[in-house]
Amino acid sequence: MSFFMNSSANQTVNMQNMAMAEQELDMFTDLFNRIVSSCHEKCIPKTYIEGDLNKGEAVCIDRCVAKFLEVNKSVGAKLQQISGAGPNA
């Protein structure tokens, strides 16, 4: 009997979870697109000579992505620290 009473509450929770999942997917897609744009501009010449990445380009992209993710992680941690140290904390 309580199953039917809580169905609207469960539906609300599911909608909130879906909205959060969509927001997380949007943020990840944005991060991916910024990494691709930034690292492509820095590591790959405007004129393509070969169809595949050469070793230098591959190493540059690996380092660029690693740095980008490390900075993103640091900024996220700092923002979380700042928001946790707000007036309500």
N, C-alpha and C. Protein backbone atom coordinates (compact mmCIF):
# COMPACT_ATOMS: atom_id res chain seq x y z
N MET A 1 0.82 -1.19 0.00
CA MET A 1 0.00 0.00 0.00
C MET A 1 0.86 1.25 0.00
N SER A 2 1.92 1.26 0.77
CA SER A 2 2.80 2.43 0.78
C SER A 2 3.54 2.59 -0.54
N PHE A 3 3.64 1.49 -1.30
CA PHE A 3 4.30 1.56 -2.60
C PHE A 3 3.60 2.56 -3.51
N PHE A 4 2.27 2.55 -3.51
CA PHE A 4 1.52 3.46 -4.36
C PHE A 4 1.56 4.89 -3.87
N MET A 5 1.67 5.07 -2.59
CA MET A 5 1.73 6.42 -2.03
C MET A 5 3.06 7.10 -2.35
N ASN A 6 4.13 6.34 -2.45
CA ASN A 6 5.45 6.90 -2.69
C ASN A 6 5.82 6.98 -4.16
N SER A 7 4.94 6.57 -5.05
CA SER A 7 5.29 6.56 -6.47
C SER A 7 5.58 7.97 -6.99
N SER A 8 4.85 8.97 -6.54
CA SER A 8 5.11 10.33 -7.00
C SER A 8 6.43 10.85 -6.44
N ALA A 9 6.76 10.46 -5.22
CA ALA A 9 8.04 10.86 -4.64
C ALA A 9 9.18 10.20 -5.39
N ASN A 10 9.03 8.92 -5.74
CA ASN A 10 10.06 8.22 -6.51
C ASN A 10 10.22 8.83 -7.89
N GLN A 11 9.11 9.22 -8.50
CA GLN A 11 9.16 9.83 -9.82
C GLN A 11 9.89 11.17 -9.75
N THR A 12 9.68 11.94 -8.70
CA THR A 12 10.37 13.21 -8.52
C THR A 12 11.86 12.99 -8.37
N VAL A 13 12.23 11.98 -7.58
CA VAL A 13 13.65 11.66 -7.40
C VAL A 13 14.27 11.23 -8.72
N ASN A 14 13.56 10.40 -9.48
CA ASN A 14 14.08 9.95 -10.77
C ASN A 14 14.26 11.13 -11.73
N MET A 15 13.34 12.07 -11.73
CA MET A 15 13.47 13.25 -12.59
C MET A 15 14.66 14.09 -12.17
N GLN A 16 14.87 14.22 -10.85
CA GLN A 16 16.02 14.98 -10.36
C GLN A 16 17.31 14.27 -10.76
N ASN A 17 17.34 12.95 -10.64
CA ASN A 17 18.53 12.19 -11.03
C ASN A 17 18.81 12.34 -12.52
N MET A 18 17.77 12.32 -13.33
CA MET A 18 17.94 12.49 -14.77
C MET A 18 18.47 13.88 -15.09
N ALA A 19 17.95 14.89 -14.42
CA ALA A 19 18.43 16.25 -14.65
C ALA A 19 19.89 16.39 -14.25
N MET A 20 20.26 15.78 -13.13
CA MET A 20 21.66 15.83 -12.69
C MET A 20 22.56 15.08 -13.66
N ALA A 21 22.09 13.94 -14.17
CA ALA A 21 22.88 13.16 -15.13
C ALA A 21 23.06 13.94 -16.43
N GLU A 22 22.01 14.60 -16.89
CA GLU A 22 22.11 15.42 -18.10
C GLU A 22 23.08 16.57 -17.91
N GLN A 23 23.03 17.21 -16.75
CA GLN A 23 23.95 18.32 -16.47
C GLN A 23 25.39 17.82 -16.43
N GLU A 24 25.61 16.67 -15.82
CA GLU A 24 26.95 16.10 -15.75
C GLU A 24 27.46 15.74 -17.14
N LEU A 25 26.59 15.18 -17.98
CA LEU A 25 26.97 14.85 -19.34
C LEU A 25 27.31 16.11 -20.13
N ASP A 26 26.53 17.16 -19.96
CA ASP A 26 26.81 18.44 -20.64
C ASP A 26 28.16 19.01 -20.21
N MET A 27 28.45 18.93 -18.91
CA MET A 27 29.73 19.45 -18.41
C MET A 27 30.90 18.62 -18.95
N PHE A 28 30.74 17.30 -18.99
CA PHE A 28 31.80 16.45 -19.51
C PHE A 28 32.02 16.68 -21.00
N THR A 29 30.92 16.85 -21.74
CA THR A 29 31.03 17.13 -23.18
C THR A 29 31.73 18.46 -23.42
N ASP A 30 31.41 19.47 -22.62
CA ASP A 30 32.08 20.76 -22.73
C ASP A 30 33.57 20.64 -22.43
N LEU A 31 33.92 19.90 -21.38
CA LEU A 31 35.32 19.69 -21.04
C LEU A 31 36.05 18.99 -22.18
N PHE A 32 35.45 17.94 -22.72
CA PHE A 32 36.05 17.21 -23.84
C PHE A 32 36.28 18.13 -25.04
N ASN A 33 35.28 18.92 -25.39
CA ASN A 33 35.40 19.82 -26.54
C ASN A 33 36.49 20.88 -26.32
N ARG A 34 36.60 21.39 -25.09
CA ARG A 34 37.66 22.37 -24.81
C ARG A 34 39.04 21.73 -24.89
N ILE A 35 39.17 20.50 -24.41
CA ILE A 35 40.45 19.79 -24.50
C ILE A 35 40.82 19.57 -25.96
N VAL A 36 39.89 19.08 -26.74
CA VAL A 36 40.16 18.82 -28.16
C VAL A 36 40.58 20.09 -28.86
N SER A 37 39.85 21.17 -28.65
CA SER A 37 40.15 22.43 -29.31
C SER A 37 41.52 22.96 -28.91
N SER A 38 41.78 23.01 -27.61
CA SER A 38 43.02 23.57 -27.11
C SER A 38 44.23 22.74 -27.53
N CYS A 39 44.16 21.44 -27.32
CA CYS A 39 45.31 20.58 -27.62
C CYS A 39 45.53 20.43 -29.12
N HIS A 40 44.47 20.44 -29.90
CA HIS A 40 44.62 20.37 -31.36
C HIS A 40 45.35 21.61 -31.87
N GLU A 41 44.95 22.76 -31.34
CA GLU A 41 45.57 24.02 -31.75
C GLU A 41 47.05 24.07 -31.38
N LYS A 42 47.40 23.55 -30.20
CA LYS A 42 48.78 23.61 -29.72
C LYS A 42 49.69 22.55 -30.33
N CYS A 43 49.14 21.38 -30.65
CA CYS A 43 50.00 20.24 -30.97
C CYS A 43 49.99 19.80 -32.43
N ILE A 44 49.01 20.20 -33.18
CA ILE A 44 48.90 19.70 -34.55
C ILE A 44 48.99 20.88 -35.51
N PRO A 45 49.94 20.81 -36.45
CA PRO A 45 50.10 21.92 -37.40
C PRO A 45 48.86 22.09 -38.29
N LYS A 46 48.71 23.30 -38.81
CA LYS A 46 47.55 23.62 -39.64
C LYS A 46 47.52 22.80 -40.93
N THR A 47 48.69 22.53 -41.46
CA THR A 47 48.75 21.73 -42.69
C THR A 47 49.13 20.30 -42.33
N TYR A 48 48.29 19.37 -42.72
CA TYR A 48 48.54 17.96 -42.43
C TYR A 48 49.51 17.39 -43.45
N ILE A 49 50.56 16.75 -42.96
CA ILE A 49 51.53 16.10 -43.83
C ILE A 49 51.24 14.61 -43.90
N GLU A 50 50.89 14.03 -42.77
CA GLU A 50 50.61 12.60 -42.69
C GLU A 50 49.17 12.39 -42.23
N GLY A 51 48.64 11.23 -42.53
CA GLY A 51 47.29 10.90 -42.09
C GLY A 51 47.20 10.59 -40.62
N ASP A 52 48.28 10.06 -40.07
CA ASP A 52 48.32 9.69 -38.65
C ASP A 52 49.18 10.69 -37.88
N LEU A 53 49.01 10.70 -36.56
CA LEU A 53 49.86 11.54 -35.72
C LEU A 53 51.28 10.99 -35.73
N ASN A 54 52.25 11.90 -35.78
CA ASN A 54 53.62 11.43 -35.61
C ASN A 54 53.91 11.37 -34.11
N LYS A 55 55.09 10.88 -33.75
CA LYS A 55 55.40 10.68 -32.34
C LYS A 55 55.38 11.99 -31.55
N GLY A 56 55.94 13.05 -32.12
CA GLY A 56 55.96 14.35 -31.44
C GLY A 56 54.57 14.89 -31.18
N GLU A 57 53.69 14.76 -32.16
CA GLU A 57 52.31 15.23 -31.99
C GLU A 57 51.58 14.41 -30.92
N ALA A 58 51.79 13.10 -30.94
CA ALA A 58 51.14 12.23 -29.96
C ALA A 58 51.60 12.54 -28.54
N VAL A 59 52.91 12.75 -28.37
CA VAL A 59 53.45 13.09 -27.05
C VAL A 59 52.90 14.44 -26.60
N CYS A 60 52.86 15.40 -27.50
CA CYS A 60 52.33 16.73 -27.18
C CYS A 60 50.88 16.63 -26.73
N ILE A 61 50.08 15.87 -27.44
CA ILE A 61 48.67 15.72 -27.08
C ILE A 61 48.52 15.03 -25.73
N ASP A 62 49.32 13.98 -25.49
CA ASP A 62 49.26 13.30 -24.19
C ASP A 62 49.56 14.26 -23.05
N ARG A 63 50.60 15.06 -23.21
CA ARG A 63 50.97 16.01 -22.16
C ARG A 63 49.92 17.11 -22.01
N CYS A 64 49.41 17.58 -23.13
CA CYS A 64 48.41 18.64 -23.10
C CYS A 64 47.15 18.18 -22.36
N VAL A 65 46.68 16.99 -22.69
CA VAL A 65 45.48 16.46 -22.04
C VAL A 65 45.73 16.26 -20.55
N ALA A 66 46.89 15.71 -20.20
CA ALA A 66 47.22 15.49 -18.78
C ALA A 66 47.24 16.81 -18.01
N LYS A 67 47.87 17.83 -18.59
CA LYS A 67 47.92 19.14 -17.93
C LYS A 67 46.53 19.75 -17.81
N PHE A 68 45.75 19.64 -18.87
CA PHE A 68 44.40 20.20 -18.87
C PHE A 68 43.56 19.57 -17.77
N LEU A 69 43.62 18.23 -17.66
CA LEU A 69 42.84 17.53 -16.64
C LEU A 69 43.34 17.84 -15.23
N GLU A 70 44.66 17.97 -15.07
CA GLU A 70 45.22 18.29 -13.76
C GLU A 70 44.78 19.68 -13.31
N VAL A 71 44.82 20.63 -14.21
CA VAL A 71 44.38 21.99 -13.88
C VAL A 71 42.89 22.00 -13.57
N ASN A 72 42.11 21.28 -14.37
CA ASN A 72 40.67 21.20 -14.13
C ASN A 72 40.39 20.61 -12.75
N LYS A 73 41.12 19.58 -12.38
CA LYS A 73 40.96 18.95 -11.07
C LYS A 73 41.32 19.93 -9.95
N SER A 74 42.43 20.67 -10.12
CA SER A 74 42.86 21.64 -9.11
C SER A 74 41.85 22.77 -8.95
N VAL A 75 41.36 23.28 -10.07
CA VAL A 75 40.37 24.36 -10.02
C VAL A 75 39.08 23.87 -9.37
N GLY A 76 38.65 22.67 -9.72
CA GLY A 76 37.45 22.10 -9.10
C GLY A 76 37.59 21.95 -7.60
N ALA A 77 38.76 21.48 -7.16
CA ALA A 77 39.01 21.32 -5.72
C ALA A 77 39.01 22.67 -5.02
N LYS A 78 39.61 23.67 -5.65
CA LYS A 78 39.66 25.01 -5.06
C LYS A 78 38.26 25.61 -4.97
N LEU A 79 37.47 25.45 -6.03
CA LEU A 79 36.10 25.97 -6.00
C LEU A 79 35.27 25.27 -4.93
N GLN A 80 35.47 23.97 -4.78
CA GLN A 80 34.75 23.23 -3.76
C GLN A 80 35.17 23.69 -2.37
N GLN A 81 36.46 23.96 -2.20
CA GLN A 81 36.97 24.45 -0.92
C GLN A 81 36.37 25.82 -0.61
N ILE A 82 36.33 26.70 -1.61
CA ILE A 82 35.79 28.04 -1.41
C ILE A 82 34.30 27.97 -1.10
N SER A 83 33.55 27.15 -1.82
CA SER A 83 32.11 27.06 -1.57
C SER A 83 31.83 26.43 -0.22
N GLY A 84 32.70 25.55 0.25
CA GLY A 84 32.54 24.95 1.57
C GLY A 84 32.89 25.90 2.69
N ALA A 85 33.70 26.91 2.39
CA ALA A 85 34.14 27.87 3.40
C ALA A 85 33.29 29.13 3.39
N GLY A 86 32.11 29.05 2.76
CA GLY A 86 31.23 30.21 2.68
C GLY A 86 30.63 30.57 4.03
N PRO A 87 29.76 31.57 4.06
CA PRO A 87 29.20 32.05 5.32
C PRO A 87 28.31 31.02 6.02
N ASN A 88 27.73 30.07 5.28
CA ASN A 88 26.86 29.06 5.89
C ASN A 88 27.62 27.86 6.40
N ALA A 89 28.89 27.73 6.09
CA ALA A 89 29.65 26.55 6.49
C ALA A 89 30.22 26.68 7.87
